[in-house]
Amino acid sequence: MTSWQHISTKVEDRIAVITLDKPPANALSRNMIVEIGEAVEGFMEDNEVKVIVMHGEGRFFAAGADIKEFTDIKHGSEFADLARDGQRIFRQIETAPKPVIAALHGAVLGGGLELAMSCHMRIACENTKLGLPELSLGLIPGFAGTQRLPKFVGKAVAMEMLLSSDPITAEEAAKHGLVNRAVAEGTHLEEAMKLAGIIRRKGSKTIQAVVELLQHAETDPIERGQEKEAVRFGDVFESSDAKEGINAFLEKRKPQFKDN
């Protein structure tokens, strides 16, 4: 078992849970980001893990980057390297072949929102505040916040959120598609685990095929995406899970997939 300094991890019923564990703010230091990346990479290689849930200990998911670290940086080139490191790790999460669900509460600001946006799904307590307030510090987002936010909320809303530095609530975020849904206070982790449990009962091949194909849908022309879908459709059809699923449907029973 890896000994983490800034996060904690556990696996329950084939669901891995990564906890940001530096309350109250769970400020995203360079070391915390590295540990998150290492944990996600390790779970991607663990055949016993099918879904990952990420959440924060204490009052917040993550209130932003660790600003204290910025005082040690003397040159813009070092700051750019810090941004590239964070971007690389968050991109690894975004392109991971297993689904990653962020369970959000309290404050999800700055680097915290950039981390949440790199996850595949987001469940948030209804009073959660989500925003990118970097301009109020004389900075801009550095972990791809300017690139991901408009893909969720559109250019105009992203422009307003960034230039005003004002956060939005989870209910507003749900309307814009930034979170999947807003849930009652204190139920974010429970609801994320419930969703993970539903996904966990599906076959690993089908889960990973959908995650991969949806990622291609964002960047590929539809003709190329359709061909990739056709190829994966054929691959999945030859699996034992497909045979079990079809037989279960015909026999009017719940399927028992091999890797559940």
C-alpha atoms as a PDB file:
ATOM      1  CA  MET A   1       0.000   0.000   0.000  1.00  0.00           C
ATOM      2  CA  THR A   2       1.415   3.383  -1.035  1.00  0.00           C
ATOM      3  CA  SER A   3       1.928   5.883   1.784  1.00  0.00           C
ATOM      4  CA  TRP A   4       0.501   9.233   0.636  1.00  0.00           C
ATOM      5  CA  GLN A   5       1.216  12.621   2.236  1.00  0.00           C
ATOM      6  CA  HIS A   6      -1.572  14.692   0.669  1.00  0.00           C
ATOM      7  CA  ILE A   7      -4.267  12.190  -0.305  1.00  0.00           C
ATOM      8  CA  SER A   8      -5.691   8.894   0.924  1.00  0.00           C
ATOM      9  CA  THR A   9      -7.030   5.992  -1.117  1.00  0.00           C
ATOM     10  CA  LYS A  10      -9.110   2.875  -0.646  1.00  0.00           C
ATOM     11  CA  VAL A  11     -10.976   0.335  -2.769  1.00  0.00           C
ATOM     12  CA  GLU A  12     -14.509  -0.808  -1.952  1.00  0.00           C
ATOM     13  CA  ASP A  13     -16.405  -3.302  -4.087  1.00  0.00           C
ATOM     14  CA  ARG A  14     -14.236  -2.561  -7.147  1.00  0.00           C
ATOM     15  CA  ILE A  15     -14.671   1.211  -6.712  1.00  0.00           C
ATOM     16  CA  ALA A  16     -11.504   3.181  -5.902  1.00  0.00           C
ATOM     17  CA  VAL A  17     -11.900   6.277  -3.731  1.00  0.00           C
ATOM     18  CA  ILE A  18      -9.296   9.056  -3.833  1.00  0.00           C
ATOM     19  CA  THR A  19      -9.634  11.606  -1.012  1.00  0.00           C
ATOM     20  CA  LEU A  20      -7.925  14.996  -1.106  1.00  0.00           C
ATOM     21  CA  ASP A  21      -6.742  14.991   2.496  1.00  0.00           C
ATOM     22  CA  LYS A  22      -5.354  18.388   3.451  1.00  0.00           C
ATOM     23  CA  PRO A  23      -8.380  20.078   5.038  1.00  0.00           C
ATOM     24  CA  PRO A  24      -9.828  22.578   5.408  1.00  0.00           C
ATOM     25  CA  ALA A  25      -8.937  23.994   1.971  1.00  0.00           C
ATOM     26  CA  ASN A  26      -7.368  20.933   0.301  1.00  0.00           C
ATOM     27  CA  ALA A  27      -5.170  23.415  -1.546  1.00  0.00           C
ATOM     28  CA  LEU A  28      -3.685  21.794  -4.637  1.00  0.00           C
ATOM     29  CA  SER A  29       0.053  21.884  -4.049  1.00  0.00           C
ATOM     30  CA  ARG A  30       2.429  20.531  -6.655  1.00  0.00           C
ATOM     31  CA  ASN A  31       2.963  17.416  -4.524  1.00  0.00           C
ATOM     32  CA  MET A  32      -0.762  16.797  -4.094  1.00  0.00           C
ATOM     33  CA  ILE A  33      -1.294  16.998  -7.850  1.00  0.00           C
ATOM     34  CA  VAL A  34       1.538  14.529  -8.427  1.00  0.00           C
ATOM     35  CA  GLU A  35       0.054  12.121  -5.873  1.00  0.00           C
ATOM     36  CA  ILE A  36      -3.391  12.370  -7.494  1.00  0.00           C
ATOM     37  CA  GLY A  37      -1.830  11.538 -10.850  1.00  0.00           C
ATOM     38  CA  GLU A  38       0.089   8.576  -9.439  1.00  0.00           C
ATOM     39  CA  ALA A  39      -3.002   7.225  -7.684  1.00  0.00           C
ATOM     40  CA  VAL A  40      -5.151   7.481 -10.825  1.00  0.00           C
ATOM     41  CA  GLU A  41      -2.441   5.825 -12.914  1.00  0.00           C
ATOM     42  CA  GLY A  42      -2.134   2.998 -10.404  1.00  0.00           C
ATOM     43  CA  PHE A  43      -5.871   2.358 -10.371  1.00  0.00           C
ATOM     44  CA  MET A  44      -5.965   2.345 -14.158  1.00  0.00           C
ATOM     45  CA  GLU A  45      -3.526  -0.579 -14.080  1.00  0.00           C
ATOM     46  CA  ASP A  46      -5.447  -2.421 -11.335  1.00  0.00           C
ATOM     47  CA  ASN A  47      -7.819  -4.924 -12.934  1.00  0.00           C
ATOM     48  CA  GLU A  48      -9.856  -5.077  -9.717  1.00  0.00           C
ATOM     49  CA  VAL A  49     -10.833  -1.403 -10.050  1.00  0.00           C
ATOM     50  CA  LYS A  50     -13.621  -0.463 -12.473  1.00  0.00           C
ATOM     51  CA  VAL A  51     -14.570   3.092 -11.390  1.00  0.00           C
ATOM     52  CA  ILE A  52     -12.835   5.904  -9.472  1.00  0.00           C
ATOM     53  CA  VAL A  53     -14.534   8.433  -7.170  1.00  0.00           C
ATOM     54  CA  MET A  54     -12.622  11.558  -6.084  1.00  0.00           C
ATOM     55  CA  HIS A  55     -13.686  13.816  -3.208  1.00  0.00           C
ATOM     56  CA  GLY A  56     -12.300  16.185  -0.603  1.00  0.00           C
ATOM     57  CA  GLU A  57     -12.007  15.747   3.166  1.00  0.00           C
ATOM     58  CA  GLY A  58     -13.398  18.508   5.381  1.00  0.00           C
ATOM     59  CA  ARG A  59     -15.392  21.588   4.369  1.00  0.00           C
ATOM     60  CA  PHE A  60     -14.265  21.839   0.736  1.00  0.00           C
ATOM     61  CA  PHE A  61     -13.491  19.697  -2.279  1.00  0.00           C
ATOM     62  CA  ALA A  62     -10.575  21.995  -3.147  1.00  0.00           C
ATOM     63  CA  ALA A  63     -10.522  25.761  -2.708  1.00  0.00           C
ATOM     64  CA  GLY A  64      -7.786  26.293  -5.293  1.00  0.00           C
ATOM     65  CA  ALA A  65      -4.067  25.976  -5.860  1.00  0.00           C
ATOM     66  CA  ASP A  66      -1.601  26.332  -3.004  1.00  0.00           C
ATOM     67  CA  ILE A  67      -0.890  30.063  -3.358  1.00  0.00           C
ATOM     68  CA  LYS A  68       1.917  29.903  -0.795  1.00  0.00           C
ATOM     69  CA  GLU A  69       3.959  27.891  -3.298  1.00  0.00           C
ATOM     70  CA  PHE A  70       3.756  30.759  -5.765  1.00  0.00           C
ATOM     71  CA  THR A  71       5.942  32.941  -3.535  1.00  0.00           C
ATOM     72  CA  ASP A  72       8.859  30.575  -4.152  1.00  0.00           C
ATOM     73  CA  ILE A  73       8.628  31.030  -7.924  1.00  0.00           C
ATOM     74  CA  LYS A  74      10.847  33.809  -9.278  1.00  0.00           C
ATOM     75  CA  HIS A  75      10.466  33.589 -13.054  1.00  0.00           C
ATOM     76  CA  GLY A  76       7.579  33.312 -15.483  1.00  0.00           C
ATOM     77  CA  SER A  77       9.186  30.283 -17.136  1.00  0.00           C
ATOM     78  CA  GLU A  78       8.987  28.379 -13.825  1.00  0.00           C
ATOM     79  CA  PHE A  79       5.333  29.337 -13.514  1.00  0.00           C
ATOM     80  CA  ALA A  80       4.719  28.070 -17.052  1.00  0.00           C
ATOM     81  CA  ASP A  81       6.402  24.762 -16.174  1.00  0.00           C
ATOM     82  CA  LEU A  82       4.136  24.435 -13.121  1.00  0.00           C
ATOM     83  CA  ALA A  83       1.121  24.945 -15.369  1.00  0.00           C
ATOM     84  CA  ARG A  84       2.357  22.346 -17.868  1.00  0.00           C
ATOM     85  CA  ASP A  85       2.844  19.763 -15.102  1.00  0.00           C
ATOM     86  CA  GLY A  86      -0.706  20.278 -13.841  1.00  0.00           C
ATOM     87  CA  GLN A  87      -2.123  20.262 -17.354  1.00  0.00           C
ATOM     88  CA  ARG A  88      -0.366  16.977 -18.145  1.00  0.00           C
ATOM     89  CA  ILE A  89      -1.671  15.213 -15.041  1.00  0.00           C
ATOM     90  CA  PHE A  90      -5.217  16.528 -15.441  1.00  0.00           C
ATOM     91  CA  ARG A  91      -5.166  15.456 -19.080  1.00  0.00           C
ATOM     92  CA  GLN A  92      -4.167  11.948 -17.948  1.00  0.00           C
ATOM     93  CA  ILE A  93      -7.301  11.898 -15.784  1.00  0.00           C
ATOM     94  CA  GLU A  94      -9.475  13.218 -18.625  1.00  0.00           C
ATOM     95  CA  THR A  95      -8.207  10.559 -21.052  1.00  0.00           C
ATOM     96  CA  ALA A  96      -8.188   7.698 -18.524  1.00  0.00           C
ATOM     97  CA  PRO A  97      -9.878   4.510 -19.833  1.00  0.00           C
ATOM     98  CA  LYS A  98     -11.902   4.038 -16.627  1.00  0.00           C
ATOM     99  CA  PRO A  99     -14.589   6.511 -15.505  1.00  0.00           C
ATOM    100  CA  VAL A 100     -13.642   9.062 -12.846  1.00  0.00           C
ATOM    101  CA  ILE A 101     -16.435  10.725 -10.849  1.00  0.00           C
ATOM    102  CA  ALA A 102     -15.830  13.892  -8.815  1.00  0.00           C
ATOM    103  CA  ALA A 103     -17.982  14.287  -5.666  1.00  0.00           C
ATOM    104  CA  LEU A 104     -18.041  18.029  -4.970  1.00  0.00           C
ATOM    105  CA  HIS A 105     -18.980  20.121  -1.949  1.00  0.00           C
ATOM    106  CA  GLY A 106     -18.174  23.437  -0.333  1.00  0.00           C
ATOM    107  CA  ALA A 107     -15.731  25.345  -2.518  1.00  0.00           C
ATOM    108  CA  VAL A 108     -14.562  24.079  -5.910  1.00  0.00           C
ATOM    109  CA  LEU A 109     -12.442  26.994  -7.035  1.00  0.00           C
ATOM    110  CA  GLY A 110      -9.456  27.667  -9.243  1.00  0.00           C
ATOM    111  CA  GLY A 111      -7.324  24.554  -9.520  1.00  0.00           C
ATOM    112  CA  GLY A 112     -10.062  22.640  -7.689  1.00  0.00           C
ATOM    113  CA  LEU A 113     -12.522  23.311 -10.508  1.00  0.00           C
ATOM    114  CA  GLU A 114      -9.841  22.563 -13.097  1.00  0.00           C
ATOM    115  CA  LEU A 115      -9.298  19.176 -11.425  1.00  0.00           C
ATOM    116  CA  ALA A 116     -13.054  18.524 -11.276  1.00  0.00           C
ATOM    117  CA  MET A 117     -13.451  19.396 -14.968  1.00  0.00           C
ATOM    118  CA  SER A 118     -10.801  16.827 -15.871  1.00  0.00           C
ATOM    119  CA  CYS A 119     -12.985  14.092 -14.325  1.00  0.00           C
ATOM    120  CA  HIS A 120     -15.584  12.385 -16.508  1.00  0.00           C
ATOM    121  CA  MET A 121     -18.601  13.157 -14.292  1.00  0.00           C
ATOM    122  CA  ARG A 122     -19.370  15.565 -11.446  1.00  0.00           C
ATOM    123  CA  ILE A 123     -21.937  15.282  -8.637  1.00  0.00           C
ATOM    124  CA  ALA A 124     -22.207  18.387  -6.432  1.00  0.00           C
ATOM    125  CA  CYS A 125     -24.047  19.470  -3.304  1.00  0.00           C
ATOM    126  CA  GLU A 126     -26.602  22.125  -4.213  1.00  0.00           C
ATOM    127  CA  ASN A 127     -24.827  24.937  -2.304  1.00  0.00           C
ATOM    128  CA  THR A 128     -21.384  24.186  -3.737  1.00  0.00           C
ATOM    129  CA  LYS A 129     -19.591  27.208  -5.197  1.00  0.00           C
ATOM    130  CA  LEU A 130     -17.748  26.588  -8.465  1.00  0.00           C
ATOM    131  CA  GLY A 131     -15.541  29.161 -10.120  1.00  0.00           C
ATOM    132  CA  LEU A 132     -12.224  30.312 -11.517  1.00  0.00           C
ATOM    133  CA  PRO A 133     -11.342  33.444  -9.489  1.00  0.00           C
ATOM    134  CA  GLU A 134      -7.721  33.742 -10.627  1.00  0.00           C
ATOM    135  CA  LEU A 135      -8.165  37.220 -12.142  1.00  0.00           C
ATOM    136  CA  SER A 136      -8.941  38.583  -8.667  1.00  0.00           C
ATOM    137  CA  LEU A 137      -5.354  37.590  -7.757  1.00  0.00           C
ATOM    138  CA  GLY A 138      -3.883  39.182 -10.871  1.00  0.00           C
ATOM    139  CA  LEU A 139      -3.456  35.740 -12.436  1.00  0.00           C
ATOM    140  CA  ILE A 140      -5.226  33.520 -14.948  1.00  0.00           C
ATOM    141  CA  PRO A 141      -6.089  29.814 -14.767  1.00  0.00           C
ATOM    142  CA  GLY A 142      -3.095  27.617 -15.518  1.00  0.00           C
ATOM    143  CA  PHE A 143      -4.376  24.042 -15.478  1.00  0.00           C
ATOM    144  CA  ALA A 144      -6.448  24.310 -18.698  1.00  0.00           C
ATOM    145  CA  GLY A 145      -9.330  26.169 -17.053  1.00  0.00           C
ATOM    146  CA  THR A 146      -9.695  28.567 -19.984  1.00  0.00           C
ATOM    147  CA  GLN A 147      -9.802  25.603 -22.363  1.00  0.00           C
ATOM    148  CA  ARG A 148     -12.223  23.263 -20.574  1.00  0.00           C
ATOM    149  CA  LEU A 149     -14.742  25.669 -19.047  1.00  0.00           C
ATOM    150  CA  PRO A 150     -16.209  26.951 -22.359  1.00  0.00           C
ATOM    151  CA  LYS A 151     -16.656  23.346 -23.541  1.00  0.00           C
ATOM    152  CA  PHE A 152     -19.086  22.860 -20.651  1.00  0.00           C
ATOM    153  CA  VAL A 153     -20.829  26.215 -20.265  1.00  0.00           C
ATOM    154  CA  GLY A 154     -20.247  27.930 -23.615  1.00  0.00           C
ATOM    155  CA  LYS A 155     -17.982  30.853 -24.459  1.00  0.00           C
ATOM    156  CA  ALA A 156     -20.214  33.660 -23.150  1.00  0.00           C
ATOM    157  CA  VAL A 157     -20.821  32.123 -19.708  1.00  0.00           C
ATOM    158  CA  ALA A 158     -17.154  31.150 -19.424  1.00  0.00           C
ATOM    159  CA  MET A 159     -16.162  34.716 -20.305  1.00  0.00           C
ATOM    160  CA  GLU A 160     -18.428  36.097 -17.570  1.00  0.00           C
ATOM    161  CA  MET A 161     -17.244  33.605 -14.946  1.00  0.00           C
ATOM    162  CA  LEU A 162     -13.574  34.257 -15.683  1.00  0.00           C
ATOM    163  CA  LEU A 163     -13.688  38.032 -16.074  1.00  0.00           C
ATOM    164  CA  SER A 164     -15.939  38.608 -13.049  1.00  0.00           C
ATOM    165  CA  SER A 165     -14.242  35.964 -10.873  1.00  0.00           C
ATOM    166  CA  ASP A 166     -17.711  35.247  -9.454  1.00  0.00           C
ATOM    167  CA  PRO A 167     -18.520  31.595  -8.672  1.00  0.00           C
ATOM    168  CA  ILE A 168     -21.791  29.883  -9.550  1.00  0.00           C
ATOM    169  CA  THR A 169     -23.844  27.441  -7.493  1.00  0.00           C
ATOM    170  CA  ALA A 170     -24.117  23.746  -8.259  1.00  0.00           C
ATOM    171  CA  GLU A 171     -27.707  24.278  -9.401  1.00  0.00           C
ATOM    172  CA  GLU A 172     -26.545  26.893 -11.922  1.00  0.00           C
ATOM    173  CA  ALA A 173     -23.675  24.612 -12.923  1.00  0.00           C
ATOM    174  CA  ALA A 174     -26.121  21.766 -13.559  1.00  0.00           C
ATOM    175  CA  LYS A 175     -28.189  23.988 -15.864  1.00  0.00           C
ATOM    176  CA  HIS A 176     -25.060  24.797 -17.866  1.00  0.00           C
ATOM    177  CA  GLY A 177     -23.817  21.186 -17.948  1.00  0.00           C
ATOM    178  CA  LEU A 178     -20.783  21.848 -15.755  1.00  0.00           C
ATOM    179  CA  VAL A 179     -22.009  19.234 -13.250  1.00  0.00           C
ATOM    180  CA  ASN A 180     -24.208  16.222 -13.927  1.00  0.00           C
ATOM    181  CA  ARG A 181     -26.584  17.127 -11.121  1.00  0.00           C
ATOM    182  CA  ALA A 182     -26.921  19.033  -7.863  1.00  0.00           C
ATOM    183  CA  VAL A 183     -27.871  16.949  -4.829  1.00  0.00           C
ATOM    184  CA  ALA A 184     -28.900  17.642  -1.232  1.00  0.00           C
ATOM    185  CA  GLU A 185     -26.204  18.941   1.091  1.00  0.00           C
ATOM    186  CA  GLY A 186     -23.995  16.207   2.504  1.00  0.00           C
ATOM    187  CA  THR A 187     -25.101  13.539   0.027  1.00  0.00           C
ATOM    188  CA  HIS A 188     -22.512  14.196  -2.708  1.00  0.00           C
ATOM    189  CA  LEU A 189     -20.242  11.265  -1.847  1.00  0.00           C
ATOM    190  CA  GLU A 190     -23.161   8.907  -1.289  1.00  0.00           C
ATOM    191  CA  GLU A 191     -24.675   9.852  -4.651  1.00  0.00           C
ATOM    192  CA  ALA A 192     -21.314   9.558  -6.425  1.00  0.00           C
ATOM    193  CA  MET A 193     -20.772   6.106  -4.907  1.00  0.00           C
ATOM    194  CA  LYS A 194     -24.301   5.102  -5.923  1.00  0.00           C
ATOM    195  CA  LEU A 195     -23.578   6.134  -9.520  1.00  0.00           C
ATOM    196  CA  ALA A 196     -20.222   4.332  -9.394  1.00  0.00           C
ATOM    197  CA  GLY A 197     -22.019   1.219  -8.135  1.00  0.00           C
ATOM    198  CA  ILE A 198     -24.433   1.283 -11.069  1.00  0.00           C
ATOM    199  CA  ILE A 199     -21.518   1.595 -13.497  1.00  0.00           C
ATOM    200  CA  ARG A 200     -19.507  -1.063 -11.656  1.00  0.00           C
ATOM    201  CA  ARG A 201     -22.128  -3.681 -12.423  1.00  0.00           C
ATOM    202  CA  LYS A 202     -21.562  -3.281 -16.153  1.00  0.00           C
ATOM    203  CA  GLY A 203     -18.857  -5.231 -18.015  1.00  0.00           C
ATOM    204  CA  SER A 204     -15.340  -3.758 -18.011  1.00  0.00           C
ATOM    205  CA  LYS A 205     -15.017  -3.975 -21.793  1.00  0.00           C
ATOM    206  CA  THR A 206     -18.212  -2.048 -22.395  1.00  0.00           C
ATOM    207  CA  ILE A 207     -17.373   0.589 -19.757  1.00  0.00           C
ATOM    208  CA  GLN A 208     -13.960   1.267 -21.235  1.00  0.00           C
ATOM    209  CA  ALA A 209     -15.277   1.226 -24.808  1.00  0.00           C
ATOM    210  CA  VAL A 210     -17.840   3.920 -24.018  1.00  0.00           C
ATOM    211  CA  VAL A 211     -15.306   6.088 -22.140  1.00  0.00           C
ATOM    212  CA  GLU A 212     -12.884   5.842 -25.062  1.00  0.00           C
ATOM    213  CA  LEU A 213     -15.483   6.498 -27.755  1.00  0.00           C
ATOM    214  CA  LEU A 214     -16.941   9.531 -25.988  1.00  0.00           C
ATOM    215  CA  GLN A 215     -13.445  11.002 -25.801  1.00  0.00           C
ATOM    216  CA  HIS A 216     -13.035  10.518 -29.566  1.00  0.00           C
ATOM    217  CA  ALA A 217     -16.442  12.143 -30.119  1.00  0.00           C
ATOM    218  CA  GLU A 218     -15.040  15.426 -28.776  1.00  0.00           C
ATOM    219  CA  THR A 219     -12.198  15.630 -31.292  1.00  0.00           C
ATOM    220  CA  ASP A 220     -12.768  13.302 -34.258  1.00  0.00           C
ATOM    221  CA  PRO A 221     -14.911  13.929 -37.339  1.00  0.00           C
ATOM    222  CA  ILE A 222     -18.096  11.897 -37.067  1.00  0.00           C
ATOM    223  CA  GLU A 223     -17.042   9.542 -39.883  1.00  0.00           C
ATOM    224  CA  ARG A 224     -13.873   8.565 -38.027  1.00  0.00           C
ATOM    225  CA  GLY A 225     -15.762   8.228 -34.758  1.00  0.00           C
ATOM    226  CA  GLN A 226     -18.382   6.023 -36.367  1.00  0.00           C
ATOM    227  CA  GLU A 227     -15.709   3.683 -37.717  1.00  0.00           C
ATOM    228  CA  LYS A 228     -14.072   3.425 -34.286  1.00  0.00           C
ATOM    229  CA  GLU A 229     -17.475   2.674 -32.795  1.00  0.00           C
ATOM    230  CA  ALA A 230     -18.086  -0.074 -35.377  1.00  0.00           C
ATOM    231  CA  VAL A 231     -14.725  -1.692 -34.609  1.00  0.00           C
ATOM    232  CA  ARG A 232     -15.331  -1.604 -30.842  1.00  0.00           C
ATOM    233  CA  PHE A 233     -18.892  -2.873 -31.384  1.00  0.00           C
ATOM    234  CA  GLY A 234     -17.398  -5.950 -33.050  1.00  0.00           C
ATOM    235  CA  ASP A 235     -14.782  -6.401 -30.333  1.00  0.00           C
ATOM    236  CA  VAL A 236     -17.361  -6.214 -27.560  1.00  0.00           C
ATOM    237  CA  PHE A 237     -19.759  -8.557 -29.338  1.00  0.00           C
ATOM    238  CA  GLU A 238     -17.199 -11.367 -29.140  1.00  0.00           C
ATOM    239  CA  SER A 239     -16.887 -11.039 -25.350  1.00  0.00           C
ATOM    240  CA  SER A 240     -18.483 -13.397 -22.841  1.00  0.00           C
ATOM    241  CA  ASP A 241     -20.273 -10.422 -21.304  1.00  0.00           C
ATOM    242  CA  ALA A 242     -22.117  -9.733 -24.570  1.00  0.00           C
ATOM    243  CA  LYS A 243     -23.277 -13.335 -24.779  1.00  0.00           C
ATOM    244  CA  GLU A 244     -24.408 -13.226 -21.148  1.00  0.00           C
ATOM    245  CA  GLY A 245     -26.220  -9.911 -21.640  1.00  0.00           C
ATOM    246  CA  ILE A 246     -28.117 -11.120 -24.693  1.00  0.00           C
ATOM    247  CA  ASN A 247     -29.064 -14.424 -23.072  1.00  0.00           C
ATOM    248  CA  ALA A 248     -30.176 -12.668 -19.890  1.00  0.00           C
ATOM    249  CA  PHE A 249     -32.426 -10.360 -21.911  1.00  0.00           C
ATOM    250  CA  LEU A 250     -34.017 -13.273 -23.769  1.00  0.00           C
ATOM    251  CA  GLU A 251     -34.436 -15.211 -20.535  1.00  0.00           C
ATOM    252  CA  LYS A 252     -35.863 -12.156 -18.737  1.00  0.00           C
ATOM    253  CA  ARG A 253     -33.307 -12.116 -15.922  1.00  0.00           C
ATOM    254  CA  LYS A 254     -30.546  -9.795 -14.707  1.00  0.00           C
ATOM    255  CA  PRO A 255     -27.193 -10.425 -16.398  1.00  0.00           C
ATOM    256  CA  GLN A 256     -24.295 -11.758 -14.357  1.00  0.00           C
ATOM    257  CA  PHE A 257     -21.247 -10.325 -16.066  1.00  0.00           C
ATOM    258  CA  LYS A 258     -18.028 -12.253 -15.648  1.00  0.00           C
ATOM    259  CA  ASP A 259     -15.968  -9.475 -14.030  1.00  0.00           C
ATOM    260  CA  ASN A 260     -18.559  -8.110 -11.570  1.00  0.00           C
END
